[in-house]
Protein backbone atom coordinates (compact mmCIF):
# COMPACT_ATOMS: atom_id res chain seq x y z
CA MET A 1 -0.14 0.11 0.07
CA SER A 2 1.56 3.32 -0.84
CA LEU A 3 2.12 5.97 1.99
CA ILE A 4 1.54 8.39 -0.75
CA PRO A 5 -1.61 10.34 -0.62
CA GLU A 6 -3.28 11.04 -3.83
CA VAL A 7 -3.60 14.57 -5.14
CA PRO A 8 -7.36 14.90 -6.63
CA ALA A 9 -7.12 15.74 -9.83
CA ARG A 10 -7.91 19.55 -10.69
CA PRO A 11 -10.64 20.29 -12.82
CA SER A 12 -9.52 20.96 -16.36
CA ASN A 13 -10.80 24.33 -18.17
CA PRO A 14 -13.45 23.78 -21.01
CA PRO A 15 -12.29 23.80 -24.51
CA ALA A 16 -12.42 27.18 -26.51
CA PHE A 17 -14.13 25.78 -29.12
CA ASN A 18 -16.93 23.53 -27.79
CA VAL A 19 -19.66 23.38 -30.51
CA PRO A 20 -21.81 20.20 -30.03
CA PRO A 21 -21.08 17.71 -32.87
CA ILE A 22 -24.88 17.79 -33.89
CA VAL A 23 -24.89 21.44 -34.60
CA LEU A 24 -21.68 21.76 -36.01
CA ALA A 25 -23.15 18.52 -38.04
CA ILE A 26 -26.59 20.70 -39.51
CA ILE A 27 -24.21 23.69 -39.94
CA VAL A 28 -22.05 21.92 -42.13
CA ALA A 29 -24.87 20.28 -44.06
CA ILE A 30 -26.56 23.78 -44.74
CA LEU A 31 -23.08 25.17 -46.13
CA ALA A 32 -22.52 21.83 -47.78
CA VAL A 33 -26.04 21.76 -49.43
CA PHE A 34 -25.65 25.37 -50.56
CA GLY A 35 -22.39 25.31 -52.19
CA VAL A 36 -23.35 22.12 -54.23
CA VAL A 37 -26.51 23.76 -55.59
CA SER A 38 -25.48 27.14 -56.12
CA SER A 39 -22.69 25.19 -58.31
CA LEU A 40 -25.47 23.21 -60.53
CA PRO A 41 -26.84 24.48 -63.97
CA GLU A 42 -29.79 27.06 -62.91
CA ALA A 43 -32.33 24.84 -64.65
CA THR A 44 -31.30 21.86 -62.20
CA GLN A 45 -31.31 24.75 -59.43
CA ASP A 46 -34.74 25.68 -60.37
CA GLU A 47 -36.15 21.61 -60.56
CA ILE A 48 -34.53 21.56 -56.69
CA ILE A 49 -36.16 24.12 -55.48
CA VAL A 50 -39.58 22.80 -56.89
CA LEU A 51 -39.16 19.04 -55.46
CA PHE A 52 -37.35 20.10 -52.24
CA ALA A 53 -38.35 24.01 -50.77
CA LEU A 54 -41.94 24.45 -49.32
CA PHE A 55 -44.46 25.59 -51.32
CA PRO A 56 -47.90 26.66 -49.58
CA GLY A 57 -49.56 25.71 -52.66
CA ARG A 58 -48.79 22.06 -52.38
CA PHE A 59 -50.44 21.60 -49.39
CA THR A 60 -53.55 24.00 -49.86
CA GLY A 61 -53.91 24.14 -53.54
CA VAL A 62 -53.55 27.04 -55.41
CA PRO A 63 -57.07 28.52 -56.88
CA ALA A 64 -55.79 30.27 -59.70
CA GLN A 65 -54.33 26.71 -60.90
CA PRO A 66 -56.65 24.24 -59.72
CA ASP A 67 -54.86 21.62 -62.28
CA LEU A 68 -51.58 22.49 -61.10
CA VAL A 69 -49.68 19.09 -59.89
CA PHE A 70 -46.43 19.29 -57.50
CA PRO A 71 -43.57 16.76 -58.46
CA GLY A 72 -43.18 13.74 -55.72
CA GLY A 73 -46.78 13.31 -54.25
CA THR A 74 -47.57 12.53 -50.93
CA ALA A 75 -43.85 12.13 -50.24
CA ALA A 76 -42.90 15.13 -51.18
CA ASP A 77 -45.44 16.74 -49.07
CA VAL A 78 -43.66 14.91 -45.79
CA TRP A 79 -40.16 15.81 -47.15
CA THR A 80 -40.21 19.16 -48.03
CA LEU A 81 -41.26 19.97 -44.45
CA PHE A 82 -37.70 19.02 -44.09
CA SER A 83 -35.60 19.46 -46.57
CA TYR A 84 -36.28 23.29 -47.06
CA THR A 85 -34.45 23.92 -43.68
CA PHE A 86 -30.91 22.95 -45.86
CA LEU A 87 -31.57 25.44 -48.92
CA HIS A 88 -30.76 29.00 -48.60
CA GLY A 89 -31.07 31.83 -51.63
CA SER A 90 -27.24 32.76 -51.11
CA TRP A 91 -24.35 33.01 -49.20
CA THR A 92 -25.00 35.45 -47.04
CA HIS A 93 -28.42 33.63 -46.18
CA ALA A 94 -26.70 30.29 -45.53
CA ILE A 95 -23.94 31.94 -43.37
CA VAL A 96 -26.35 34.45 -41.34
CA ASN A 97 -28.18 31.28 -40.36
CA SER A 98 -25.34 29.57 -39.46
CA VAL A 99 -23.82 31.77 -36.94
CA TRP A 100 -27.46 32.02 -35.26
CA LEU A 101 -27.21 28.17 -35.18
CA LEU A 102 -24.29 28.09 -33.74
CA ALA A 103 -25.18 30.97 -30.83
CA PHE A 104 -28.51 29.44 -29.72
CA GLY A 105 -28.92 25.88 -31.15
CA SER A 106 -25.20 25.13 -29.30
CA PRO A 107 -27.09 25.62 -25.47
CA VAL A 108 -29.76 24.11 -26.31
CA ALA A 109 -28.13 20.78 -27.63
CA ARG A 110 -25.42 21.12 -24.66
CA ARG A 111 -29.01 20.72 -22.62
CA ILE A 112 -31.25 18.44 -24.09
CA GLY A 113 -28.31 16.19 -25.76
CA THR A 114 -28.36 14.94 -29.03
CA VAL A 115 -31.66 13.14 -29.90
CA ARG A 116 -34.13 15.34 -28.29
CA PHE A 117 -32.10 18.28 -30.47
CA LEU A 118 -32.70 16.82 -33.30
CA LEU A 119 -36.25 16.27 -32.57
CA PHE A 120 -36.99 19.34 -30.81
CA TYR A 121 -34.92 21.40 -34.22
CA PHE A 122 -37.18 19.54 -36.63
CA LEU A 123 -40.46 19.79 -34.58
CA CYS A 124 -39.85 23.98 -34.76
CA GLY A 125 -38.93 23.45 -38.54
CA ILE A 126 -42.22 21.95 -39.34
CA VAL A 127 -44.50 24.04 -36.76
CA GLY A 128 -43.17 27.08 -38.61
CA ALA A 129 -43.72 25.74 -41.89
CA LEU A 130 -47.23 25.31 -40.91
CA THR A 131 -47.96 28.11 -40.03
CA HIS A 132 -46.71 29.61 -43.04
CA VAL A 133 -48.69 27.63 -45.04
CA TRP A 134 -51.84 28.53 -43.06
CA LEU A 135 -50.82 32.43 -43.19
CA ASN A 136 -50.24 32.20 -47.22
CA ALA A 137 -52.56 29.87 -48.17
CA GLY A 138 -52.22 29.06 -52.21
CA SER A 139 -48.75 30.73 -52.50
CA LEU A 140 -46.68 30.00 -55.41
CA ILE A 141 -43.68 31.36 -53.75
CA PRO A 142 -41.15 29.13 -52.09
CA VAL A 143 -39.80 29.16 -48.80
CA VAL A 144 -36.46 28.29 -47.92
CA GLY A 145 -33.79 28.24 -45.26
CA ALA A 146 -33.49 27.32 -41.57
CA SER A 147 -34.92 30.49 -40.03
CA ALA A 148 -37.72 28.66 -38.71
CA ALA A 149 -36.31 26.31 -36.90
CA ILE A 150 -33.35 28.65 -35.45
CA SER A 151 -35.95 30.50 -33.99
CA GLY A 152 -37.24 27.31 -32.32
CA MET A 153 -33.27 27.11 -30.90
CA MET A 154 -33.90 30.96 -29.69
CA GLY A 155 -37.25 30.17 -28.17
CA GLY A 156 -36.40 26.97 -26.53
CA ALA A 157 -32.86 28.79 -25.14
CA ALA A 158 -34.96 31.81 -23.81
CA ARG A 159 -36.56 28.86 -21.23
CA PHE A 160 -33.37 28.61 -19.33
CA VAL A 161 -30.44 30.96 -20.55
CA PHE A 162 -31.86 33.28 -17.70
CA LEU A 163 -32.03 30.72 -14.82
CA ALA A 164 -29.56 30.70 -12.08
CA ASP A 165 -27.49 28.04 -13.80
CA GLY A 166 -28.15 29.27 -17.18
CA PRO A 167 -25.54 31.22 -19.65
CA LEU A 168 -26.57 34.34 -18.49
CA GLY A 169 -27.72 33.87 -15.21
CA GLY A 170 -25.79 36.31 -13.87
CA LEU A 171 -27.81 38.74 -15.27
CA GLY A 172 -29.62 40.99 -13.17
CA GLY A 173 -27.59 40.42 -9.82
CA MET A 174 -28.86 36.21 -9.77
CA SER A 175 -26.26 34.01 -9.00
CA GLY A 176 -23.84 31.85 -11.48
CA PRO A 177 -24.61 28.42 -13.18
CA SER A 178 -21.59 27.23 -10.44
CA SER A 179 -23.21 28.01 -7.42
CA ALA A 180 -26.96 26.61 -8.18
CA PRO A 181 -28.43 22.95 -9.47
CA ARG A 182 -29.94 22.72 -12.62
CA ALA A 183 -33.58 24.71 -12.41
CA GLN A 184 -36.76 23.63 -14.01
CA ALA A 185 -37.56 25.71 -17.15
CA SER A 186 -41.37 25.55 -16.98
CA ILE A 187 -42.94 27.74 -19.07
CA GLY A 188 -44.24 29.82 -15.73
CA ARG A 189 -41.17 30.71 -14.63
CA ALA A 190 -40.31 31.64 -18.26
CA LEU A 191 -43.13 33.76 -18.88
CA THR A 192 -43.30 35.69 -15.66
CA ASP A 193 -39.14 36.45 -15.69
CA ARG A 194 -38.76 39.96 -16.78
CA ARG A 195 -35.60 39.60 -18.96
CA VAL A 196 -37.30 36.86 -20.65
CA LEU A 197 -40.46 38.64 -21.53
CA ILE A 198 -38.10 41.85 -22.97
CA PHE A 199 -36.63 39.51 -25.16
CA VAL A 200 -39.48 37.81 -26.67
CA GLY A 201 -41.30 40.93 -27.19
CA VAL A 202 -38.28 42.20 -28.72
CA TRP A 203 -37.64 39.00 -31.32
CA ILE A 204 -41.35 39.21 -31.85
CA GLY A 205 -41.46 43.11 -32.27
CA LEU A 206 -38.11 42.65 -34.92
CA ASN A 207 -40.06 40.34 -36.92
CA PHE A 208 -43.02 42.56 -37.03
CA LEU A 209 -40.73 45.29 -38.89
CA PHE A 210 -38.39 43.51 -40.76
CA GLY A 211 -40.43 40.94 -41.66
CA PRO A 212 -43.14 42.55 -43.92
CA THR A 213 -41.05 45.21 -44.91
CA GLY A 214 -38.09 42.71 -46.43
CA LEU A 215 -35.53 44.75 -44.80
CA THR A 216 -32.67 42.50 -43.79
CA VAL A 217 -29.76 43.79 -41.41
CA THR A 218 -27.41 44.07 -43.82
CA GLY A 219 -29.42 46.62 -45.49
CA GLU A 220 -30.72 44.19 -48.36
CA GLN A 221 -34.30 43.76 -49.60
CA ALA A 222 -34.99 40.19 -49.37
CA SER A 223 -38.51 38.04 -49.20
CA VAL A 224 -38.47 36.84 -45.47
CA ALA A 225 -40.70 34.33 -44.51
CA TRP A 226 -41.72 36.12 -40.80
CA GLU A 227 -44.77 34.09 -40.26
CA ALA A 228 -42.75 30.84 -40.33
CA HIS A 229 -40.06 32.84 -38.21
CA LEU A 230 -42.95 33.59 -35.49
CA GLY A 231 -44.36 29.70 -35.59
CA GLY A 232 -40.79 28.70 -35.00
CA PHE A 233 -40.33 30.48 -32.04
CA LEU A 234 -43.36 30.06 -30.20
CA ALA A 235 -43.33 26.16 -31.07
CA GLY A 236 -39.72 26.32 -29.47
CA LEU A 237 -40.87 28.69 -26.33
CA LEU A 238 -43.97 26.44 -25.80
CA LEU A 239 -43.23 22.86 -26.16
CA PHE A 240 -39.00 23.11 -24.84
CA GLY A 241 -40.16 21.79 -21.72
CA PHE A 242 -41.27 18.23 -23.14
CA PHE A 243 -37.42 17.75 -24.40
CA ASP A 244 -35.80 19.10 -21.36
CA PRO A 245 -34.71 16.06 -19.19
CA TYR A 246 -35.91 16.11 -15.70
CA ARG A 247 -33.14 14.64 -13.58
CA THR A 248 -33.05 12.75 -10.00
CA SER A 249 -30.55 14.86 -7.10
CA PRO A 250 -27.05 12.86 -6.27
CA SER A 251 -29.21 12.22 -3.08
CA GLY A 252 -31.95 9.94 -4.71
CA GLY A 253 -34.21 12.96 -4.15
CA PRO A 254 -36.49 14.93 -6.37
CA GLY A 255 -34.66 17.87 -8.56
CA ASN A 256 -32.74 18.34 -11.22
CA VAL A 257 -28.50 17.91 -10.56
CA GLY A 258 -26.66 20.81 -11.32
CA TYR A 259 -23.95 20.94 -14.38
CA GLY A 260 -21.29 20.18 -12.05
CA GLU A 261 -17.44 21.52 -12.73
CA TRP A 262 -15.87 20.78 -15.86
CA SER A 263 -13.51 17.53 -16.09
CA GLY A 264 -12.35 15.09 -18.41
CA ARG A 265 -14.33 12.11 -16.77
CA ASN A 266 -17.37 14.46 -16.39
CA LYS A 267 -18.51 15.66 -19.87
CA LEU A 268 -21.72 16.68 -20.27
CA PRO A 269 -24.38 14.84 -22.68
């Protein structure tokens, strides 16, 4: 038996670039898809848009063209609710969406894990798509981009980033992440937090400001599917609790366990 006492290992510092793999994978897919599609002949690009973009008229019919048939049939009715999130209109569109996904998708993925994140991400994209279809019935203007799904990540993040254990928990004089156990991100708690209400109000206000006018933060004029943004955001805000895992405390009693300190042996899911 060794007489030399064991020295506890010091927790290592978290890596400077700690993007959840699933978030990085989606970003790579977004940029790769746009890179490939934009390199194709224009006629081929048009075929891809018709087959994989979101057209409200595909789901509601087009009164002005009652005999119009979209390619792909029923299968395309399903896959376009997912595939439209990987198509983008320009490099600026793809890169800006990637940055927003990096910012808001990362904390959500760290909190709920890969499988829940994927389900939550695409559910928000689908709700955003159906919201746009509902408010633009019969439209033949295609919708592309991951903005609705990313808006859902923003709505989901709003449920927990301001909690004591969340990334912005120190704002407003509250204790930081290391001093409190993981708190339950209930919708009631979120909607009674002044910071959450300000965040939600500002985000919705910006969509009503820039959406109908078509103005973007870069000053360019573009067709903005703000209805899809709102649908995705509200889905994320209201449905996040169904994907947020409730964990037992280390003592075995009720409550959520804390994130704990970073170490190479104790990584987040």
